[in-house]
Structure formats: structure tokens, C-alpha cells
């Protein structure tokens, strides 16, 4: 009971995010929570996160007809929004002095934070 094989020993997404926020504030206590979280993500999480981000989406699409339908109906809007934030990320990275590959179609951590800010999901 409560062992490693017990599914209750796993963190839920909110618990994991809370853990990251707490760790970031302890590690970077001289920064605001938002800046501390960004520093933790850029320095200690993102460099080691090499999993295929699209895998979860592809699995959901293969399992759920309703998800496939919604993704089909809104594919142009979602693709446009993604491209907007890719461009924003390139500009933010250039502003911060980070070399940018203009042909990259990846969402940078800067773009992700901008999207979170635009959605009102940060402090």
C-alpha cells in the first residue's frame, strides 16, 4: 500500500506544477515567482525535456473521434495561432540576445511564457 507501483504515488498535473513553482521560488528566492519559474524551466527542465510533445496529441487523436473532429474543424485557427506564437518567440529570443533559427517551427520557452501571459494564466 502506497508503494512505488501504487498509482496514488504519482503526481497529478496540478501537483507537479505546484511542485515546480515551489522549487523555483526556493532556488531563485531573490526573483519574483514568475521570473523564478522561468529561470527554473530554462535552466533545469527544458534542457532535459526531450520527449516528443506531439505524441500525446497524436494518441488522443487516434483514440477519440470527437477530438479528431474538433482538431479537423479548427485546424487552420490552431495552426495560425501556433505560428503567431512561434514568431513572437523568435522576436522575444532575439531581443534577449538568443540566436534564432528563422526556419524553426518550434515554440520557444519565451513564446510559451508569452502565450501564458496573454491568456492571463500567470501571476
PDB file of N, CA and C in Angstrom:
ATOM      1  N   UNK A   1       0.829  -1.185   0.000  1.00  0.00           N
ATOM      2  CA  UNK A   1       0.000   0.000   0.000  1.00  0.00           C
ATOM      3  C   UNK A   1       0.872   1.246   0.000  1.00  0.00           C
ATOM      4  N   UNK A   2       0.614   2.161  -0.943  1.00  0.00           N
ATOM      5  CA  UNK A   2       1.373   3.388  -1.021  1.00  0.00           C
ATOM      6  C   UNK A   2       2.776   3.197  -1.575  1.00  0.00           C
ATOM      7  N   UNK A   3       3.032   2.032  -2.207  1.00  0.00           N
ATOM      8  CA  UNK A   3       4.364   1.740  -2.737  1.00  0.00           C
ATOM      9  C   UNK A   3       4.584   2.387  -4.085  1.00  0.00           C
ATOM     10  N   UNK A   4       5.720   2.078  -4.675  1.00  0.00           N
ATOM     11  CA  UNK A   4       6.088   2.654  -5.961  1.00  0.00           C
ATOM     12  C   UNK A   4       5.106   2.246  -7.052  1.00  0.00           C
ATOM     13  N   UNK A   5       4.591   1.020  -6.979  1.00  0.00           N
ATOM     14  CA  UNK A   5       3.667   0.543  -8.007  1.00  0.00           C
ATOM     15  C   UNK A   5       2.250   1.073  -7.831  1.00  0.00           C
ATOM     16  N   UNK A   6       1.980   1.752  -6.740  1.00  0.00           N
ATOM     17  CA  UNK A   6       0.653   2.288  -6.455  1.00  0.00           C
ATOM     18  C   UNK A   6       0.453   3.571  -7.258  1.00  0.00           C
ATOM     19  N   UNK A   7      -0.631   3.663  -8.046  1.00  0.00           N
ATOM     20  CA  UNK A   7      -0.849   4.844  -8.881  1.00  0.00           C
ATOM     21  C   UNK A   7      -1.072   6.104  -8.047  1.00  0.00           C
ATOM     22  N   UNK A   8      -1.423   5.967  -6.775  1.00  0.00           N
ATOM     23  CA  UNK A   8      -1.616   7.156  -5.941  1.00  0.00           C
ATOM     24  C   UNK A   8      -0.292   7.796  -5.583  1.00  0.00           C
ATOM     25  N   UNK A   9       0.830   7.131  -5.878  1.00  0.00           N
ATOM     26  CA  UNK A   9       2.137   7.711  -5.590  1.00  0.00           C
ATOM     27  C   UNK A   9       2.586   8.657  -6.702  1.00  0.00           C
ATOM     28  N   UNK A  10       1.776   8.781  -7.768  1.00  0.00           N
ATOM     29  CA  UNK A  10       2.109   9.671  -8.870  1.00  0.00           C
ATOM     30  C   UNK A  10       1.514  11.054  -8.614  1.00  0.00           C
ATOM     31  N   UNK A  11       2.195  12.071  -9.123  1.00  0.00           N
ATOM     32  CA  UNK A  11       1.696  13.437  -9.004  1.00  0.00           C
ATOM     33  C   UNK A  11       0.712  13.721 -10.124  1.00  0.00           C
ATOM     34  N   UNK A  12      -0.335  14.430  -9.796  1.00  0.00           N
ATOM     35  CA  UNK A  12      -1.234  14.919 -10.839  1.00  0.00           C
ATOM     36  C   UNK A  12      -0.573  16.137 -11.476  1.00  0.00           C
ATOM     37  N   UNK A  13      -1.102  16.602 -12.596  1.00  0.00           N
ATOM     38  CA  UNK A  13      -0.532  17.766 -13.257  1.00  0.00           C
ATOM     39  C   UNK A  13      -0.529  18.996 -12.338  1.00  0.00           C
ATOM     40  N   UNK A  14      -1.638  19.328 -11.666  1.00  0.00           N
ATOM     41  CA  UNK A  14      -1.595  20.485 -10.755  1.00  0.00           C
ATOM     42  C   UNK A  14      -0.573  20.325  -9.626  1.00  0.00           C
ATOM     43  N   UNK A  15      -0.437  19.115  -9.106  1.00  0.00           N
ATOM     44  CA  UNK A  15       0.553  18.873  -8.050  1.00  0.00           C
ATOM     45  C   UNK A  15       1.973  19.062  -8.580  1.00  0.00           C
ATOM     46  N   UNK A  16       2.210  18.588  -9.803  1.00  0.00           N
ATOM     47  CA  UNK A  16       3.530  18.721 -10.412  1.00  0.00           C
ATOM     48  C   UNK A  16       3.873  20.194 -10.668  1.00  0.00           C
ATOM     49  N   UNK A  17       2.918  20.944 -11.195  1.00  0.00           N
ATOM     50  CA  UNK A  17       3.150  22.370 -11.448  1.00  0.00           C
ATOM     51  C   UNK A  17       3.400  23.103 -10.135  1.00  0.00           C
ATOM     52  N   UNK A  18       2.622  22.784  -9.115  1.00  0.00           N
ATOM     53  CA  UNK A  18       2.817  23.387  -7.794  1.00  0.00           C
ATOM     54  C   UNK A  18       4.220  23.075  -7.273  1.00  0.00           C
ATOM     55  N   UNK A  19       4.649  21.843  -7.459  1.00  0.00           N
ATOM     56  CA  UNK A  19       5.991  21.440  -7.040  1.00  0.00           C
ATOM     57  C   UNK A  19       7.055  22.251  -7.782  1.00  0.00           C
ATOM     58  N   UNK A  20       6.886  22.421  -9.090  1.00  0.00           N
ATOM     59  CA  UNK A  20       7.830  23.222  -9.867  1.00  0.00           C
ATOM     60  C   UNK A  20       7.858  24.670  -9.391  1.00  0.00           C
ATOM     61  N   UNK A  21       6.687  25.227  -9.101  1.00  0.00           N
ATOM     62  CA  UNK A  21       6.623  26.605  -8.612  1.00  0.00           C
ATOM     63  C   UNK A  21       7.338  26.750  -7.275  1.00  0.00           C
ATOM     64  N   UNK A  22       7.102  25.803  -6.378  1.00  0.00           N
ATOM     65  CA  UNK A  22       7.762  25.858  -5.063  1.00  0.00           C
ATOM     66  C   UNK A  22       9.275  25.706  -5.191  1.00  0.00           C
ATOM     67  N   UNK A  23       9.707  24.766  -6.036  1.00  0.00           N
ATOM     68  CA  UNK A  23      11.147  24.572  -6.246  1.00  0.00           C
ATOM     69  C   UNK A  23      11.781  25.822  -6.836  1.00  0.00           C
ATOM     70  N   UNK A  24      11.090  26.443  -7.787  1.00  0.00           N
ATOM     71  CA  UNK A  24      11.644  27.637  -8.423  1.00  0.00           C
ATOM     72  C   UNK A  24      11.796  28.771  -7.423  1.00  0.00           C
ATOM     73  N   UNK A  25      10.832  28.927  -6.531  1.00  0.00           N
ATOM     74  CA  UNK A  25      10.915  30.006  -5.547  1.00  0.00           C
ATOM     75  C   UNK A  25      12.027  29.749  -4.528  1.00  0.00           C
ATOM     76  N   UNK A  26      12.236  28.486  -4.155  1.00  0.00           N
ATOM     77  CA  UNK A  26      13.320  28.162  -3.224  1.00  0.00           C
ATOM     78  C   UNK A  26      14.676  28.383  -3.888  1.00  0.00           C
ATOM     79  N   UNK A  27      14.809  27.917  -5.125  1.00  0.00           N
ATOM     80  CA  UNK A  27      16.095  28.007  -5.826  1.00  0.00           C
ATOM     81  C   UNK A  27      16.440  29.440  -6.212  1.00  0.00           C
ATOM     82  N   UNK A  28      15.436  30.227  -6.588  1.00  0.00           N
ATOM     83  CA  UNK A  28      15.647  31.611  -7.039  1.00  0.00           C
ATOM     84  C   UNK A  28      14.848  32.566  -6.155  1.00  0.00           C
ATOM     85  N   UNK A  29      15.089  32.517  -4.858  1.00  0.00           N
ATOM     86  CA  UNK A  29      14.280  33.299  -3.913  1.00  0.00           C
ATOM     87  C   UNK A  29      14.433  34.809  -4.076  1.00  0.00           C
ATOM     88  N   UNK A  30      15.468  35.258  -4.780  1.00  0.00           N
ATOM     89  CA  UNK A  30      15.677  36.687  -4.996  1.00  0.00           C
ATOM     90  C   UNK A  30      14.848  37.221  -6.176  1.00  0.00           C
ATOM     91  N   UNK A  31      14.174  36.339  -6.918  1.00  0.00           N
ATOM     92  CA  UNK A  31      13.377  36.731  -8.081  1.00  0.00           C
ATOM     93  C   UNK A  31      11.888  36.669  -7.769  1.00  0.00           C
ATOM     94  N   UNK A  32      11.084  37.319  -8.591  1.00  0.00           N
ATOM     95  CA  UNK A  32       9.634  37.167  -8.472  1.00  0.00           C
ATOM     96  C   UNK A  32       9.285  35.724  -8.825  1.00  0.00           C
ATOM     97  N   UNK A  33       8.121  35.292  -8.443  1.00  0.00           N
ATOM     98  CA  UNK A  33       7.724  33.912  -8.718  1.00  0.00           C
ATOM     99  C   UNK A  33       7.736  33.621 -10.214  1.00  0.00           C
ATOM    100  N   UNK A  34       7.238  34.548 -11.013  1.00  0.00           N
ATOM    101  CA  UNK A  34       7.211  34.360 -12.462  1.00  0.00           C
ATOM    102  C   UNK A  34       8.623  34.224 -13.032  1.00  0.00           C
ATOM    103  N   UNK A  35       9.528  35.109 -12.608  1.00  0.00           N
ATOM    104  CA  UNK A  35      10.911  35.058 -13.085  1.00  0.00           C
ATOM    105  C   UNK A  35      11.634  33.819 -12.575  1.00  0.00           C
ATOM    106  N   UNK A  36      11.341  33.437 -11.334  1.00  0.00           N
ATOM    107  CA  UNK A  36      11.961  32.246 -10.758  1.00  0.00           C
ATOM    108  C   UNK A  36      11.516  30.999 -11.519  1.00  0.00           C
ATOM    109  N   UNK A  37      10.224  30.927 -11.846  1.00  0.00           N
ATOM    110  CA  UNK A  37       9.707  29.781 -12.586  1.00  0.00           C
ATOM    111  C   UNK A  37      10.339  29.723 -13.974  1.00  0.00           C
ATOM    112  N   UNK A  38      10.434  30.862 -14.624  1.00  0.00           N
ATOM    113  CA  UNK A  38      11.057  30.911 -15.946  1.00  0.00           C
ATOM    114  C   UNK A  38      12.509  30.436 -15.870  1.00  0.00           C
ATOM    115  N   UNK A  39      13.244  30.921 -14.876  1.00  0.00           N
ATOM    116  CA  UNK A  39      14.650  30.526 -14.722  1.00  0.00           C
ATOM    117  C   UNK A  39      14.773  29.025 -14.484  1.00  0.00           C
ATOM    118  N   UNK A  40      13.920  28.480 -13.637  1.00  0.00           N
ATOM    119  CA  UNK A  40      13.955  27.039 -13.370  1.00  0.00           C
ATOM    120  C   UNK A  40      13.669  26.247 -14.645  1.00  0.00           C
ATOM    121  N   UNK A  41      12.646  26.663 -15.376  1.00  0.00           N
ATOM    122  CA  UNK A  41      12.291  25.958 -16.606  1.00  0.00           C
ATOM    123  C   UNK A  41      13.419  26.040 -17.631  1.00  0.00           C
ATOM    124  N   UNK A  42      13.973  27.236 -17.834  1.00  0.00           N
ATOM    125  CA  UNK A  42      15.011  27.413 -18.850  1.00  0.00           C
ATOM    126  C   UNK A  42      16.324  26.724 -18.479  1.00  0.00           C
ATOM    127  N   UNK A  43      16.658  26.716 -17.191  1.00  0.00           N
ATOM    128  CA  UNK A  43      17.962  26.196 -16.775  1.00  0.00           C
ATOM    129  C   UNK A  43      17.960  24.729 -16.359  1.00  0.00           C
ATOM    130  N   UNK A  44      16.829  24.226 -15.884  1.00  0.00           N
ATOM    131  CA  UNK A  44      16.851  22.890 -15.282  1.00  0.00           C
ATOM    132  C   UNK A  44      15.800  21.919 -15.808  1.00  0.00           C
ATOM    133  N   UNK A  45      14.798  22.414 -16.535  1.00  0.00           N
ATOM    134  CA  UNK A  45      13.753  21.499 -17.008  1.00  0.00           C
ATOM    135  C   UNK A  45      13.809  21.330 -18.521  1.00  0.00           C
ATOM    136  N   UNK A  46      13.695  22.420 -19.249  1.00  0.00           N
ATOM    137  CA  UNK A  46      13.629  22.360 -20.712  1.00  0.00           C
ATOM    138  C   UNK A  46      14.836  21.669 -21.340  1.00  0.00           C
ATOM    139  N   UNK A  47      16.059  21.940 -20.867  1.00  0.00           N
ATOM    140  CA  UNK A  47      17.200  21.252 -21.487  1.00  0.00           C
ATOM    141  C   UNK A  47      17.127  19.727 -21.395  1.00  0.00           C
ATOM    142  N   UNK A  48      16.385  19.219 -20.450  1.00  0.00           N
ATOM    143  CA  UNK A  48      16.301  17.766 -20.264  1.00  0.00           C
ATOM    144  C   UNK A  48      14.983  17.178 -20.754  1.00  0.00           C
ATOM    145  N   UNK A  49      14.088  18.009 -21.227  1.00  0.00           N
ATOM    146  CA  UNK A  49      12.778  17.552 -21.698  1.00  0.00           C
ATOM    147  C   UNK A  49      12.858  17.305 -23.192  1.00  0.00           C
ATOM    148  N   UNK A  50      13.170  16.092 -23.574  1.00  0.00           N
ATOM    149  CA  UNK A  50      13.370  15.772 -24.989  1.00  0.00           C
ATOM    150  C   UNK A  50      12.268  14.870 -25.538  1.00  0.00           C
ATOM    151  N   UNK A  51      11.184  14.732 -24.816  1.00  0.00           N
ATOM    152  CA  UNK A  51      10.105  13.874 -25.292  1.00  0.00           C
ATOM    153  C   UNK A  51       9.377  14.533 -26.459  1.00  0.00           C
ATOM    154  N   UNK A  52       8.781  13.721 -27.271  1.00  0.00           N
ATOM    155  CA  UNK A  52       8.004  14.189 -28.414  1.00  0.00           C
ATOM    156  C   UNK A  52       6.715  14.822 -27.896  1.00  0.00           C
ATOM    157  N   UNK A  53       6.617  16.137 -28.005  1.00  0.00           N
ATOM    158  CA  UNK A  53       5.450  16.856 -27.480  1.00  0.00           C
ATOM    159  C   UNK A  53       4.173  16.490 -28.232  1.00  0.00           C
ATOM    160  N   UNK A  54       4.295  16.114 -29.472  1.00  0.00           N
ATOM    161  CA  UNK A  54       3.112  15.787 -30.254  1.00  0.00           C
ATOM    162  C   UNK A  54       2.586  14.384 -30.020  1.00  0.00           C
ATOM    163  N   UNK A  55       3.341  13.556 -29.324  1.00  0.00           N
ATOM    164  CA  UNK A  55       2.931  12.173 -29.101  1.00  0.00           C
ATOM    165  C   UNK A  55       1.590  12.096 -28.376  1.00  0.00           C
ATOM    166  N   UNK A  56       1.433  12.881 -27.325  1.00  0.00           N
ATOM    167  CA  UNK A  56       0.184  12.870 -26.547  1.00  0.00           C
ATOM    168  C   UNK A  56      -0.998  13.282 -27.426  1.00  0.00           C
ATOM    169  N   UNK A  57      -0.794  14.284 -28.251  1.00  0.00           N
ATOM    170  CA  UNK A  57      -1.871  14.756 -29.133  1.00  0.00           C
ATOM    171  C   UNK A  57      -2.209  13.690 -30.167  1.00  0.00           C
ATOM    172  N   UNK A  58      -1.186  13.085 -30.757  1.00  0.00           N
ATOM    173  CA  UNK A  58      -1.444  12.033 -31.754  1.00  0.00           C
ATOM    174  C   UNK A  58      -2.179  10.846 -31.143  1.00  0.00           C
ATOM    175  N   UNK A  59      -1.820  10.493 -29.907  1.00  0.00           N
ATOM    176  CA  UNK A  59      -2.521   9.394 -29.233  1.00  0.00           C
ATOM    177  C   UNK A  59      -3.975   9.750 -28.972  1.00  0.00           C
ATOM    178  N   UNK A  60      -4.223  10.980 -28.524  1.00  0.00           N
ATOM    179  CA  UNK A  60      -5.602  11.414 -28.272  1.00  0.00           C
ATOM    180  C   UNK A  60      -6.408  11.411 -29.565  1.00  0.00           C
ATOM    181  N   UNK A  61      -5.788  11.845 -30.659  1.00  0.00           N
ATOM    182  CA  UNK A  61      -6.473  11.846 -31.954  1.00  0.00           C
ATOM    183  C   UNK A  61      -6.807  10.433 -32.408  1.00  0.00           C
ATOM    184  N   UNK A  62      -5.913   9.502 -32.160  1.00  0.00           N
ATOM    185  CA  UNK A  62      -6.160   8.133 -32.603  1.00  0.00           C
ATOM    186  C   UNK A  62      -7.232   7.438 -31.774  1.00  0.00           C
ATOM    187  N   UNK A  63      -7.407   7.849 -30.520  1.00  0.00           N
ATOM    188  CA  UNK A  63      -8.360   7.188 -29.626  1.00  0.00           C
ATOM    189  C   UNK A  63      -9.750   7.809 -29.625  1.00  0.00           C
ATOM    190  N   UNK A  64      -9.851   9.099 -29.909  1.00  0.00           N
ATOM    191  CA  UNK A  64     -11.108   9.789 -29.656  1.00  0.00           C
ATOM    192  C   UNK A  64     -11.626  10.480 -30.920  1.00  0.00           C
ATOM    193  N   UNK A  65     -12.769  10.016 -31.404  1.00  0.00           N
ATOM    194  CA  UNK A  65     -13.363  10.563 -32.618  1.00  0.00           C
ATOM    195  C   UNK A  65     -13.752  12.032 -32.439  1.00  0.00           C
ATOM    196  N   UNK A  66     -14.229  12.399 -31.257  1.00  0.00           N
ATOM    197  CA  UNK A  66     -14.632  13.789 -31.009  1.00  0.00           C
ATOM    198  C   UNK A  66     -13.424  14.726 -31.036  1.00  0.00           C
ATOM    199  N   UNK A  67     -12.307  14.274 -30.503  1.00  0.00           N
ATOM    200  CA  UNK A  67     -11.081  15.084 -30.539  1.00  0.00           C
ATOM    201  C   UNK A  67     -10.624  15.260 -31.988  1.00  0.00           C
ATOM    202  N   UNK A  68     -10.692  14.185 -32.777  1.00  0.00           N
ATOM    203  CA  UNK A  68     -10.330  14.281 -34.198  1.00  0.00           C
ATOM    204  C   UNK A  68     -11.217  15.291 -34.913  1.00  0.00           C
ATOM    205  N   UNK A  69     -12.516  15.258 -34.625  1.00  0.00           N
ATOM    206  CA  UNK A  69     -13.457  16.167 -35.273  1.00  0.00           C
ATOM    207  C   UNK A  69     -13.139  17.623 -34.923  1.00  0.00           C
ATOM    208  N   UNK A  70     -12.920  17.904 -33.648  1.00  0.00           N
ATOM    209  CA  UNK A  70     -12.609  19.272 -33.215  1.00  0.00           C
ATOM    210  C   UNK A  70     -11.288  19.735 -33.825  1.00  0.00           C
ATOM    211  N   UNK A  71     -10.285  18.859 -33.827  1.00  0.00           N
ATOM    212  CA  UNK A  71      -8.994  19.252 -34.394  1.00  0.00           C
ATOM    213  C   UNK A  71      -9.120  19.525 -35.894  1.00  0.00           C
ATOM    214  N   UNK A  72      -9.975  18.766 -36.581  1.00  0.00           N
ATOM    215  CA  UNK A  72     -10.186  18.994 -38.005  1.00  0.00           C
ATOM    216  C   UNK A  72     -10.906  20.321 -38.243  1.00  0.00           C
ATOM    217  N   UNK A  73     -11.935  20.585 -37.458  1.00  0.00           N
ATOM    218  CA  UNK A  73     -12.741  21.796 -37.640  1.00  0.00           C
ATOM    219  C   UNK A  73     -11.936  23.071 -37.366  1.00  0.00           C
ATOM    220  N   UNK A  74     -11.006  23.017 -36.424  1.00  0.00           N
ATOM    221  CA  UNK A  74     -10.281  24.221 -36.007  1.00  0.00           C
ATOM    222  C   UNK A  74      -8.802  24.189 -36.390  1.00  0.00           C
ATOM    223  N   UNK A  75      -8.422  23.313 -37.299  1.00  0.00           N
ATOM    224  CA  UNK A  75      -7.008  23.136 -37.624  1.00  0.00           C
ATOM    225  C   UNK A  75      -6.361  24.412 -38.151  1.00  0.00           C
ATOM    226  N   UNK A  76      -7.063  25.190 -38.976  1.00  0.00           N
ATOM    227  CA  UNK A  76      -6.473  26.409 -39.530  1.00  0.00           C
ATOM    228  C   UNK A  76      -6.284  27.464 -38.440  1.00  0.00           C
ATOM    229  N   UNK A  77      -7.263  27.598 -37.557  1.00  0.00           N
ATOM    230  CA  UNK A  77      -7.143  28.575 -36.468  1.00  0.00           C
ATOM    231  C   UNK A  77      -6.028  28.190 -35.507  1.00  0.00           C
ATOM    232  N   UNK A  78      -5.945  26.913 -35.162  1.00  0.00           N
ATOM    233  CA  UNK A  78      -4.908  26.453 -34.235  1.00  0.00           C
ATOM    234  C   UNK A  78      -3.529  26.613 -34.885  1.00  0.00           C
ATOM    235  N   UNK A  79      -3.402  26.248 -36.152  1.00  0.00           N
ATOM    236  CA  UNK A  79      -2.123  26.388 -36.851  1.00  0.00           C
ATOM    237  C   UNK A  79      -1.712  27.862 -36.929  1.00  0.00           C
ATOM    238  N   UNK A  80      -2.668  28.734 -37.202  1.00  0.00           N
ATOM    239  CA  UNK A  80      -2.370  30.170 -37.259  1.00  0.00           C
ATOM    240  C   UNK A  80      -1.940  30.723 -35.915  1.00  0.00           C
ATOM    241  N   UNK A  81      -2.634  30.316 -34.861  1.00  0.00           N
ATOM    242  CA  UNK A  81      -2.272  30.761 -33.517  1.00  0.00           C
ATOM    243  C   UNK A  81      -0.880  30.258 -33.135  1.00  0.00           C
ATOM    244  N   UNK A  82      -0.598  29.001 -33.450  1.00  0.00           N
ATOM    245  CA  UNK A  82       0.724  28.440 -33.160  1.00  0.00           C
ATOM    246  C   UNK A  82       1.812  29.233 -33.888  1.00  0.00           C
ATOM    247  N   UNK A  83       1.602  29.505 -35.173  1.00  0.00           N
ATOM    248  CA  UNK A  83       2.590  30.253 -35.952  1.00  0.00           C
ATOM    249  C   UNK A  83       2.789  31.660 -35.401  1.00  0.00           C
ATOM    250  N   UNK A  84       1.717  32.272 -34.899  1.00  0.00           N
ATOM    251  CA  UNK A  84       1.830  33.597 -34.278  1.00  0.00           C
ATOM    252  C   UNK A  84       2.792  33.536 -33.093  1.00  0.00           C
ATOM    253  N   UNK A  85       2.627  32.535 -32.242  1.00  0.00           N
ATOM    254  CA  UNK A  85       3.473  32.441 -31.062  1.00  0.00           C
ATOM    255  C   UNK A  85       4.885  31.979 -31.393  1.00  0.00           C
ATOM    256  N   UNK A  86       5.063  31.218 -32.464  1.00  0.00           N
ATOM    257  CA  UNK A  86       6.412  30.884 -32.915  1.00  0.00           C
ATOM    258  C   UNK A  86       7.130  32.177 -33.308  1.00  0.00           C
ATOM    259  N   UNK A  87       6.433  33.043 -34.070  1.00  0.00           N
ATOM    260  CA  UNK A  87       7.019  34.326 -34.486  1.00  0.00           C
ATOM    261  C   UNK A  87       7.304  35.211 -33.279  1.00  0.00           C
ATOM    262  N   UNK A  88       6.364  35.262 -32.328  1.00  0.00           N
ATOM    263  CA  UNK A  88       6.565  36.041 -31.103  1.00  0.00           C
ATOM    264  C   UNK A  88       7.779  35.513 -30.358  1.00  0.00           C
ATOM    265  N   UNK A  89       7.912  34.207 -30.276  1.00  0.00           N
ATOM    266  CA  UNK A  89       9.043  33.596 -29.582  1.00  0.00           C
ATOM    267  C   UNK A  89      10.366  33.963 -30.228  1.00  0.00           C
ATOM    268  N   UNK A  90      10.406  33.962 -31.575  1.00  0.00           N
ATOM    269  CA  UNK A  90      11.626  34.355 -32.278  1.00  0.00           C
ATOM    270  C   UNK A  90      12.001  35.791 -31.928  1.00  0.00           C
ATOM    271  N   UNK A  91      11.002  36.684 -31.920  1.00  0.00           N
ATOM    272  CA  UNK A  91      11.274  38.089 -31.608  1.00  0.00           C
ATOM    273  C   UNK A  91      11.745  38.253 -30.166  1.00  0.00           C
ATOM    274  N   UNK A  92      11.092  37.549 -29.234  1.00  0.00           N
ATOM    275  CA  UNK A  92      11.497  37.637 -27.829  1.00  0.00           C
ATOM    276  C   UNK A  92      12.900  37.083 -27.626  1.00  0.00           C
ATOM    277  N   UNK A  93      13.202  35.968 -28.284  1.00  0.00           N
ATOM    278  CA  UNK A  93      14.533  35.380 -28.159  1.00  0.00           C
ATOM    279  C   UNK A  93      15.609  36.308 -28.740  1.00  0.00           C
ATOM    280  N   UNK A  94      15.326  36.907 -29.894  1.00  0.00           N
ATOM    281  CA  UNK A  94      16.277  37.847 -30.487  1.00  0.00           C
ATOM    282  C   UNK A  94      16.495  39.035 -29.553  1.00  0.00           C
ATOM    283  N   UNK A  95      15.428  39.527 -28.982  1.00  0.00           N
ATOM    284  CA  UNK A  95      15.516  40.650 -28.049  1.00  0.00           C
ATOM    285  C   UNK A  95      16.383  40.296 -26.845  1.00  0.00           C
ATOM    286  N   UNK A  96      16.300  39.047 -26.405  1.00  0.00           N
ATOM    287  CA  UNK A  96      17.088  38.589 -25.258  1.00  0.00           C
ATOM    288  C   UNK A  96      18.506  38.183 -25.664  1.00  0.00           C
ATOM    289  N   UNK A  97      18.833  38.319 -26.955  1.00  0.00           N
ATOM    290  CA  UNK A  97      20.188  38.007 -27.410  1.00  0.00           C
ATOM    291  C   UNK A  97      20.420  36.541 -27.715  1.00  0.00           C
ATOM    292  N   UNK A  98      19.350  35.782 -27.887  1.00  0.00           N
ATOM    293  CA  UNK A  98      19.467  34.354 -28.197  1.00  0.00           C
ATOM    294  C   UNK A  98      19.413  34.182 -29.709  1.00  0.00           C
ATOM    295  N   UNK A  99      20.372  33.427 -30.236  1.00  0.00           N
ATOM    296  CA  UNK A  99      20.411  33.173 -31.673  1.00  0.00           C
ATOM    297  C   UNK A  99      19.160  32.399 -32.083  1.00  0.00           C
ATOM    298  N   UNK A 100      18.526  32.859 -33.155  1.00  0.00           N
ATOM    299  CA  UNK A 100      17.256  32.277 -33.590  1.00  0.00           C
ATOM    300  C   UNK A 100      17.404  31.685 -34.984  1.00  0.00           C
ATOM    301  N   UNK A 101      16.928  30.465 -35.147  1.00  0.00           N
ATOM    302  CA  UNK A 101      16.848  29.840 -36.466  1.00  0.00           C
ATOM    303  C   UNK A 101      15.504  30.245 -37.061  1.00  0.00           C
ATOM    304  N   UNK A 102      15.532  31.128 -38.054  1.00  0.00           N
ATOM    305  CA  UNK A 102      14.293  31.655 -38.646  1.00  0.00           C
ATOM    306  C   UNK A 102      13.433  30.558 -39.279  1.00  0.00           C
ATOM    307  N   UNK A 103      14.043  29.427 -39.626  1.00  0.00           N
ATOM    308  CA  UNK A 103      13.292  28.334 -40.244  1.00  0.00           C
ATOM    309  C   UNK A 103      12.691  27.389 -39.212  1.00  0.00           C
ATOM    310  N   UNK A 104      13.009  27.628 -37.944  1.00  0.00           N
ATOM    311  CA  UNK A 104      12.497  26.749 -36.894  1.00  0.00           C
ATOM    312  C   UNK A 104      10.998  26.927 -36.733  1.00  0.00           C
ATOM    313  N   UNK A 105      10.327  25.826 -36.571  1.00  0.00           N
ATOM    314  CA  UNK A 105       8.886  25.850 -36.360  1.00  0.00           C
ATOM    315  C   UNK A 105       8.574  25.362 -34.950  1.00  0.00           C
ATOM    316  N   UNK A 106       9.496  25.613 -34.022  1.00  0.00           N
ATOM    317  CA  UNK A 106       9.313  25.167 -32.647  1.00  0.00           C
ATOM    318  C   UNK A 106       8.872  26.328 -31.773  1.00  0.00           C
ATOM    319  N   UNK A 107       8.041  26.041 -30.804  1.00  0.00           N
ATOM    320  CA  UNK A 107       7.569  27.043 -29.862  1.00  0.00           C
ATOM    321  C   UNK A 107       8.608  27.158 -28.752  1.00  0.00           C
ATOM    322  N   UNK A 108       9.264  28.306 -28.665  1.00  0.00           N
ATOM    323  CA  UNK A 108      10.309  28.507 -27.665  1.00  0.00           C
ATOM    324  C   UNK A 108       9.685  28.710 -26.287  1.00  0.00           C
ATOM    325  N   UNK A 109      10.505  28.599 -25.264  1.00  0.00           N
ATOM    326  CA  UNK A 109      10.032  28.832 -23.905  1.00  0.00           C
ATOM    327  C   UNK A 109       9.549  30.278 -23.761  1.00  0.00           C
ATOM    328  N   UNK A 110      10.201  31.213 -24.458  1.00  0.00           N
ATOM    329  CA  UNK A 110       9.768  32.614 -24.415  1.00  0.00           C
ATOM    330  C   UNK A 110       8.365  32.757 -25.007  1.00  0.00           C
ATOM    331  N   UNK A 111       8.122  32.072 -26.109  1.00  0.00           N
ATOM    332  CA  UNK A 111       6.798  32.127 -26.730  1.00  0.00           C
ATOM    333  C   UNK A 111       5.752  31.477 -25.845  1.00  0.00           C
ATOM    334  N   UNK A 112       6.140  30.381 -25.202  1.00  0.00           N
ATOM    335  CA  UNK A 112       5.203  29.707 -24.300  1.00  0.00           C
ATOM    336  C   UNK A 112       4.818  30.628 -23.147  1.00  0.00           C
ATOM    337  N   UNK A 113       5.799  31.300 -22.562  1.00  0.00           N
ATOM    338  CA  UNK A 113       5.505  32.234 -21.474  1.00  0.00           C
ATOM    339  C   UNK A 113       4.652  33.401 -21.959  1.00  0.00           C
ATOM    340  N   UNK A 114       4.908  33.875 -23.180  1.00  0.00           N
ATOM    341  CA  UNK A 114       4.089  34.966 -23.722  1.00  0.00           C
ATOM    342  C   UNK A 114       2.648  34.507 -23.895  1.00  0.00           C
ATOM    343  N   UNK A 115       2.458  33.291 -24.386  1.00  0.00           N
ATOM    344  CA  UNK A 115       1.117  32.753 -24.557  1.00  0.00           C
ATOM    345  C   UNK A 115       0.409  32.630 -23.213  1.00  0.00           C
ATOM    346  N   UNK A 116       1.115  32.138 -22.203  1.00  0.00           N
ATOM    347  CA  UNK A 116       0.544  32.014 -20.860  1.00  0.00           C
ATOM    348  C   UNK A 116       0.152  33.385 -20.325  1.00  0.00           C
ATOM    349  N   UNK A 117       1.003  34.387 -20.563  1.00  0.00           N
ATOM    350  CA  UNK A 117       0.717  35.748 -20.123  1.00  0.00           C
ATOM    351  C   UNK A 117      -0.513  36.297 -20.842  1.00  0.00           C
ATOM    352  N   UNK A 118      -0.562  36.117 -22.170  1.00  0.00           N
ATOM    353  CA  UNK A 118      -1.697  36.593 -22.947  1.00  0.00           C
ATOM    354  C   UNK A 118      -3.015  35.963 -22.503  1.00  0.00           C
ATOM    355  N   UNK A 119      -2.941  34.721 -22.070  1.00  0.00           N
ATOM    356  CA  UNK A 119      -4.143  34.025 -21.587  1.00  0.00           C
ATOM    357  C   UNK A 119      -4.476  34.355 -20.146  1.00  0.00           C
ATOM    358  N   UNK A 120      -3.604  35.118 -19.480  1.00  0.00           N
ATOM    359  CA  UNK A 120      -3.846  35.509 -18.095  1.00  0.00           C
ATOM    360  C   UNK A 120      -3.627  34.375 -17.110  1.00  0.00           C
ATOM    361  N   UNK A 121      -2.747  33.432 -17.451  1.00  0.00           N
ATOM    362  CA  UNK A 121      -2.545  32.262 -16.606  1.00  0.00           C
ATOM    363  C   UNK A 121      -1.331  32.353 -15.690  1.00  0.00           C
ATOM    364  N   UNK A 122      -0.631  33.490 -15.722  1.00  0.00           N
ATOM    365  CA  UNK A 122       0.491  33.632 -14.794  1.00  0.00           C
ATOM    366  C   UNK A 122       0.086  34.606 -13.690  1.00  0.00           C
ATOM    367  N   UNK A 123       1.015  34.877 -12.787  1.00  0.00           N
ATOM    368  CA  UNK A 123       0.666  35.683 -11.615  1.00  0.00           C
ATOM    369  C   UNK A 123       0.173  37.000 -12.008  1.00  0.00           C
TER     370      UNK A 123
END
